[in-house]
Amino acid sequence: MTQPTAAPSLLGVFAHPDDESLLAGGVLAQHAAVGARTAVVTVTWTADSHRAPELAEALNVLGAGAPRLLGYADARNPASAPDGAGRLIDAPLDEAVGRLVAHIREVRPDIVIGHDALGQLTGHPDHRRAHQITLLAVEAAGLPHLFPDAGEPWQPAALYAATHSESGVDRLGPLLRSVGKTLLTVPDAYVTATVDVSPWAAVKMAAILAHRSEAARERPLPGLLARLPEAERDEIIRTESFTRLTPGPAPGDPHRLVA
């Protein structure tokens, strides 16, 4: 695997606690290990919910700093917002984009990583909404006349969507289907970077397991992975795939993210 010599800083933007570890935990750990700045914005679940401490532990394992929460409720789980915050899918678009712009301008990342347009394998509505606001916020963050109260403008060099290709889910597909979940994938040609994160698989798995409430359940992916033999589990989590969305899907080094 090609090791980055001067790794770009990363900001992950993901819908729920555990998405960061499942979809980009290896890349976040890889970049943190060589001294790059890494951070994660989590769009749903609020600071007073039971998953916030789990998220903090997972980010600490990955070297991605403290939680950054946009403060919205999960579309399917009222327990995600004990404070009564509204659901992400019901929030005004400008409001959600503005909240994310503030984090982008504060972190000033070279690369932003988020969900793909499908909403990952299961098409969760929060994933899809997070993808939409991330697309808009990455562009808006560099424009001084948009959200002028959200900090000094900053334009990330690239936006990557974490994704799964049709040929890349051989082991994961049957696992998800076994609990009745859908399997939404993109054509292989849509993937522009496939990163072997084997050296960070143990760190990635530790971050996944830090989401204890999900790992203890039968249907969520952390729980499915936790019950697998280690070799089979590592086979599933050792590769992460991405599509570069800005300035559009473009070829580059297929083994790393390039700003």
Protein backbone atom coordinates (compact mmCIF):
# COMPACT_ATOMS: atom_id res chain seq x y z
CA MET A 1 0.00 0.00 0.00
CA THR A 2 1.19 3.48 -0.79
CA GLN A 3 1.80 5.38 2.43
CA PRO A 4 0.96 9.11 2.30
CA THR A 5 4.07 11.20 2.88
CA ALA A 6 2.28 14.42 3.69
CA ALA A 7 -1.23 13.29 4.48
CA PRO A 8 -3.98 15.88 3.95
CA SER A 9 -6.23 16.85 6.83
CA LEU A 10 -9.62 15.14 6.89
CA LEU A 11 -13.10 16.05 8.06
CA GLY A 12 -15.67 13.27 8.05
CA VAL A 13 -19.36 14.18 7.92
CA PHE A 14 -21.62 11.27 8.81
CA ALA A 15 -25.24 10.87 9.73
CA HIS A 16 -25.05 8.70 12.85
CA PRO A 17 -22.58 7.66 15.52
CA ASP A 18 -20.77 4.54 14.19
CA ASP A 19 -20.98 5.61 10.51
CA GLU A 20 -17.55 7.25 10.85
CA SER A 21 -15.96 4.03 12.14
CA LEU A 22 -17.69 1.68 9.72
CA LEU A 23 -17.20 3.75 6.56
CA ALA A 24 -13.92 5.59 7.09
CA GLY A 25 -12.42 4.42 10.38
CA GLY A 26 -9.36 3.01 8.65
CA VAL A 27 -8.63 6.15 6.64
CA LEU A 28 -9.16 8.37 9.69
CA ALA A 29 -6.78 6.22 11.75
CA GLN A 30 -4.27 6.08 8.89
CA HIS A 31 -4.12 9.84 8.57
CA ALA A 32 -4.05 10.47 12.31
CA ALA A 33 -1.13 8.01 12.62
CA VAL A 34 1.06 10.18 10.39
CA GLY A 35 0.13 13.40 12.13
CA ALA A 36 -2.62 14.71 9.89
CA ARG A 37 -5.47 16.65 11.49
CA THR A 38 -8.68 14.63 11.53
CA ALA A 39 -12.16 15.46 12.79
CA VAL A 40 -15.70 14.17 12.46
CA VAL A 41 -19.08 15.91 12.35
CA THR A 42 -22.02 13.71 13.33
CA VAL A 43 -25.29 15.05 12.00
CA THR A 44 -27.83 13.23 14.20
CA TRP A 45 -28.02 12.18 17.88
CA THR A 46 -27.59 14.94 20.41
CA ALA A 47 -25.08 15.47 23.19
CA ASP A 48 -27.49 14.26 25.89
CA SER A 49 -28.27 10.97 24.14
CA HIS A 50 -26.77 7.64 25.24
CA ARG A 51 -24.72 7.29 22.07
CA ALA A 52 -22.78 10.54 22.51
CA PRO A 53 -20.28 9.04 25.02
CA GLU A 54 -19.83 6.04 22.73
CA LEU A 55 -19.06 8.38 19.84
CA ALA A 56 -16.52 10.24 21.96
CA GLU A 57 -14.77 6.97 22.78
CA ALA A 58 -14.72 5.86 19.14
CA LEU A 59 -13.28 9.17 17.95
CA ASN A 60 -10.61 9.01 20.64
CA VAL A 61 -9.63 5.54 19.40
CA LEU A 62 -9.38 6.86 15.83
CA GLY A 63 -7.49 10.01 16.81
CA ALA A 64 -10.26 12.20 15.42
CA GLY A 65 -10.74 14.62 18.30
CA ALA A 66 -13.88 15.43 20.23
CA PRO A 67 -17.41 14.92 18.87
CA ARG A 68 -18.87 17.66 16.70
CA LEU A 69 -22.65 17.32 16.71
CA LEU A 70 -25.05 19.18 14.44
CA GLY A 71 -27.81 18.44 16.95
CA TYR A 72 -30.56 16.79 14.93
CA ALA A 73 -32.67 13.73 15.69
CA ASP A 74 -32.42 10.44 13.82
CA ALA A 75 -35.36 9.97 11.43
CA ARG A 76 -36.20 6.60 12.97
CA ASN A 77 -35.27 6.94 16.64
CA PRO A 78 -36.85 9.43 19.06
CA ALA A 79 -34.25 8.45 21.71
CA SER A 80 -31.64 10.19 19.55
CA ALA A 81 -32.74 13.59 20.86
CA PRO A 82 -33.83 13.58 24.52
CA ASP A 83 -33.70 17.38 24.34
CA GLY A 84 -36.53 17.39 21.81
CA ALA A 85 -34.46 18.49 18.81
CA GLY A 86 -36.14 18.12 15.44
CA ARG A 87 -35.29 15.41 12.94
CA LEU A 88 -32.63 16.03 10.32
CA ILE A 89 -34.99 15.13 7.49
CA ASP A 90 -37.44 17.80 8.68
CA ALA A 91 -34.87 20.57 9.19
CA PRO A 92 -34.73 23.59 6.85
CA LEU A 93 -31.98 22.99 4.32
CA ASP A 94 -30.25 26.34 4.84
CA GLU A 95 -30.16 25.78 8.59
CA ALA A 96 -28.48 22.39 8.32
CA VAL A 97 -26.03 23.58 5.66
CA GLY A 98 -25.12 26.62 7.75
CA ARG A 99 -24.38 24.51 10.81
CA LEU A 100 -22.06 22.30 8.77
CA VAL A 101 -20.37 25.27 7.08
CA ALA A 102 -19.36 26.54 10.51
CA HIS A 103 -17.55 23.28 11.26
CA ILE A 104 -15.83 23.19 7.87
CA ARG A 105 -14.57 26.73 8.35
CA GLU A 106 -13.37 25.96 11.87
CA VAL A 107 -11.58 22.70 11.00
CA ARG A 108 -10.31 23.93 7.60
CA PRO A 109 -9.81 20.43 6.15
CA ASP A 110 -8.07 19.61 2.89
CA ILE A 111 -10.53 16.77 2.29
CA VAL A 112 -14.12 16.20 3.38
CA ILE A 113 -15.49 12.64 3.45
CA GLY A 114 -19.22 11.92 3.58
CA HIS A 115 -21.99 9.59 2.52
CA ASP A 116 -22.77 8.68 -1.06
CA ALA A 117 -25.97 9.62 -2.90
CA LEU A 118 -27.49 6.18 -2.31
CA GLY A 119 -27.30 6.59 1.43
CA GLN A 120 -24.83 3.73 1.71
CA LEU A 121 -25.87 0.09 1.51
CA THR A 122 -29.19 0.46 3.30
CA GLY A 123 -30.32 3.79 1.89
CA HIS A 124 -31.11 5.33 5.27
CA PRO A 125 -32.89 8.69 4.78
CA ASP A 126 -30.49 10.39 7.21
CA HIS A 127 -27.54 9.19 5.12
CA ARG A 128 -29.06 10.64 1.98
CA ARG A 129 -29.87 13.93 3.65
CA ALA A 130 -26.38 14.15 5.11
CA HIS A 131 -24.98 13.62 1.61
CA GLN A 132 -27.07 16.48 0.26
CA ILE A 133 -26.12 18.99 2.94
CA THR A 134 -22.44 18.01 2.68
CA LEU A 135 -22.39 18.67 -1.05
CA LEU A 136 -23.89 22.12 -0.51
CA ALA A 137 -21.81 22.98 2.56
CA VAL A 138 -18.46 22.12 0.93
CA GLU A 139 -19.18 24.61 -1.84
CA ALA A 140 -20.75 27.22 0.43
CA ALA A 141 -17.86 27.14 2.91
CA GLY A 142 -15.58 28.80 0.38
CA LEU A 143 -17.96 31.60 -0.56
CA PRO A 144 -17.73 34.66 1.73
CA HIS A 145 -21.22 35.92 0.93
CA LEU A 146 -22.83 32.68 2.09
CA PHE A 147 -23.26 32.23 5.85
CA PRO A 148 -21.04 35.21 6.70
CA ASP A 149 -21.52 34.63 10.44
CA ALA A 150 -20.17 31.06 10.25
CA GLY A 151 -16.48 31.98 10.21
CA GLU A 152 -13.82 32.87 7.67
CA PRO A 153 -14.32 31.20 4.27
CA TRP A 154 -12.48 27.96 3.62
CA GLN A 155 -12.61 25.85 0.47
CA PRO A 156 -11.72 22.16 0.88
CA ALA A 157 -9.70 20.81 -2.02
CA ALA A 158 -11.79 17.68 -2.43
CA LEU A 159 -14.95 15.92 -1.35
CA TYR A 160 -15.07 12.14 -1.29
CA ALA A 161 -18.14 9.96 -0.82
CA ALA A 162 -17.65 6.71 1.07
CA THR A 163 -19.31 4.03 -1.02
CA HIS A 164 -19.56 0.33 -1.84
CA SER A 165 -19.02 -1.12 -5.30
CA GLU A 166 -20.94 -4.00 -6.82
CA SER A 167 -17.88 -6.25 -6.71
CA GLY A 168 -16.74 -5.14 -3.28
CA VAL A 169 -19.48 -6.58 -1.08
CA ASP A 170 -18.94 -10.32 -1.52
CA ARG A 171 -18.74 -11.00 2.21
CA LEU A 172 -20.73 -8.03 3.46
CA GLY A 173 -23.75 -8.60 1.22
CA PRO A 174 -24.83 -11.97 2.63
CA LEU A 175 -24.27 -10.67 6.15
CA LEU A 176 -26.70 -7.79 5.66
CA ARG A 177 -29.22 -9.88 3.77
CA SER A 178 -29.25 -12.37 6.63
CA VAL A 179 -31.04 -9.78 8.79
CA GLY A 180 -33.30 -8.51 6.02
CA LYS A 181 -31.34 -5.41 5.03
CA THR A 182 -31.10 -3.97 1.53
CA LEU A 183 -27.90 -3.79 -0.46
CA LEU A 184 -27.41 -0.62 -2.53
CA THR A 185 -24.13 -0.51 -4.44
CA VAL A 186 -22.54 1.62 -7.15
CA PRO A 187 -20.93 0.41 -10.41
CA ASP A 188 -17.26 -0.46 -9.97
CA ALA A 189 -16.24 2.36 -12.33
CA TYR A 190 -17.76 4.91 -9.95
CA VAL A 191 -15.14 4.16 -7.30
CA THR A 192 -12.05 6.36 -7.68
CA ALA A 193 -10.09 5.34 -4.56
CA THR A 194 -9.92 1.96 -2.86
CA VAL A 195 -7.80 2.10 0.27
CA ASP A 196 -6.31 -0.96 1.96
CA VAL A 197 -6.56 -0.14 5.67
CA SER A 198 -5.36 -3.54 6.91
CA PRO A 199 -2.65 -2.00 9.16
CA TRP A 200 -5.39 -0.08 10.98
CA ALA A 201 -8.04 -2.83 11.02
CA ALA A 202 -7.62 -3.45 14.76
CA VAL A 203 -7.99 0.26 15.52
CA LYS A 204 -11.01 0.48 13.24
CA MET A 205 -12.66 -2.51 14.90
CA ALA A 206 -11.99 -1.10 18.36
CA ALA A 207 -13.73 2.11 17.28
CA ILE A 208 -16.70 0.13 15.91
CA LEU A 209 -17.01 -1.81 19.17
CA ALA A 210 -16.89 1.46 21.15
CA HIS A 211 -20.44 1.93 19.89
CA ARG A 212 -21.53 -0.59 22.49
CA SER A 213 -25.28 -0.07 22.23
CA GLU A 214 -25.16 -0.96 18.52
CA ALA A 215 -22.65 -3.79 18.94
CA ALA A 216 -24.99 -5.42 21.48
CA ARG A 217 -27.91 -5.54 19.04
CA GLU A 218 -28.53 -8.21 16.42
CA ARG A 219 -29.35 -6.24 13.26
CA PRO A 220 -26.98 -3.23 13.22
CA LEU A 221 -23.70 -3.80 11.41
CA PRO A 222 -21.52 -3.33 14.54
CA GLY A 223 -23.41 -6.20 16.16
CA LEU A 224 -23.12 -8.38 13.07
CA LEU A 225 -19.37 -7.77 12.87
CA ALA A 226 -18.86 -8.34 16.61
CA ARG A 227 -20.22 -11.88 16.30
CA LEU A 228 -18.01 -12.90 13.37
CA PRO A 229 -14.70 -14.78 13.64
CA GLU A 230 -11.84 -12.30 13.62
CA ALA A 231 -10.43 -13.37 10.25
CA GLU A 232 -13.79 -13.04 8.51
CA ARG A 233 -14.47 -9.72 10.20
CA ASP A 234 -11.10 -8.32 9.17
CA GLU A 235 -11.71 -9.38 5.59
CA ILE A 236 -14.83 -7.21 5.54
CA ILE A 237 -13.42 -4.08 7.19
CA ARG A 238 -9.93 -3.95 5.68
CA THR A 239 -10.92 -2.07 2.51
CA GLU A 240 -12.60 1.33 2.22
CA SER A 241 -13.89 2.72 -1.07
CA PHE A 242 -14.53 6.31 -2.09
CA THR A 243 -15.69 8.39 -5.03
CA ARG A 244 -14.19 11.83 -5.58
CA LEU A 245 -17.09 14.24 -6.13
CA THR A 246 -15.28 17.54 -6.57
CA PRO A 247 -14.46 18.71 -9.12
CA GLY A 248 -16.23 15.52 -10.20
CA PRO A 249 -15.37 11.83 -10.32
CA ALA A 250 -11.75 11.88 -11.44
CA PRO A 251 -8.93 9.35 -11.56
CA GLY A 252 -6.06 9.74 -9.16
CA ASP A 253 -3.93 7.53 -6.97
CA PRO A 254 -6.26 4.54 -6.48
CA HIS A 255 -4.74 3.69 -3.11
CA ARG A 256 -5.10 6.95 -1.24
CA LEU A 257 -7.17 10.11 -1.01
CA VAL A 258 -5.64 13.06 -2.84
CA ALA A 259 -6.51 16.66 -2.06
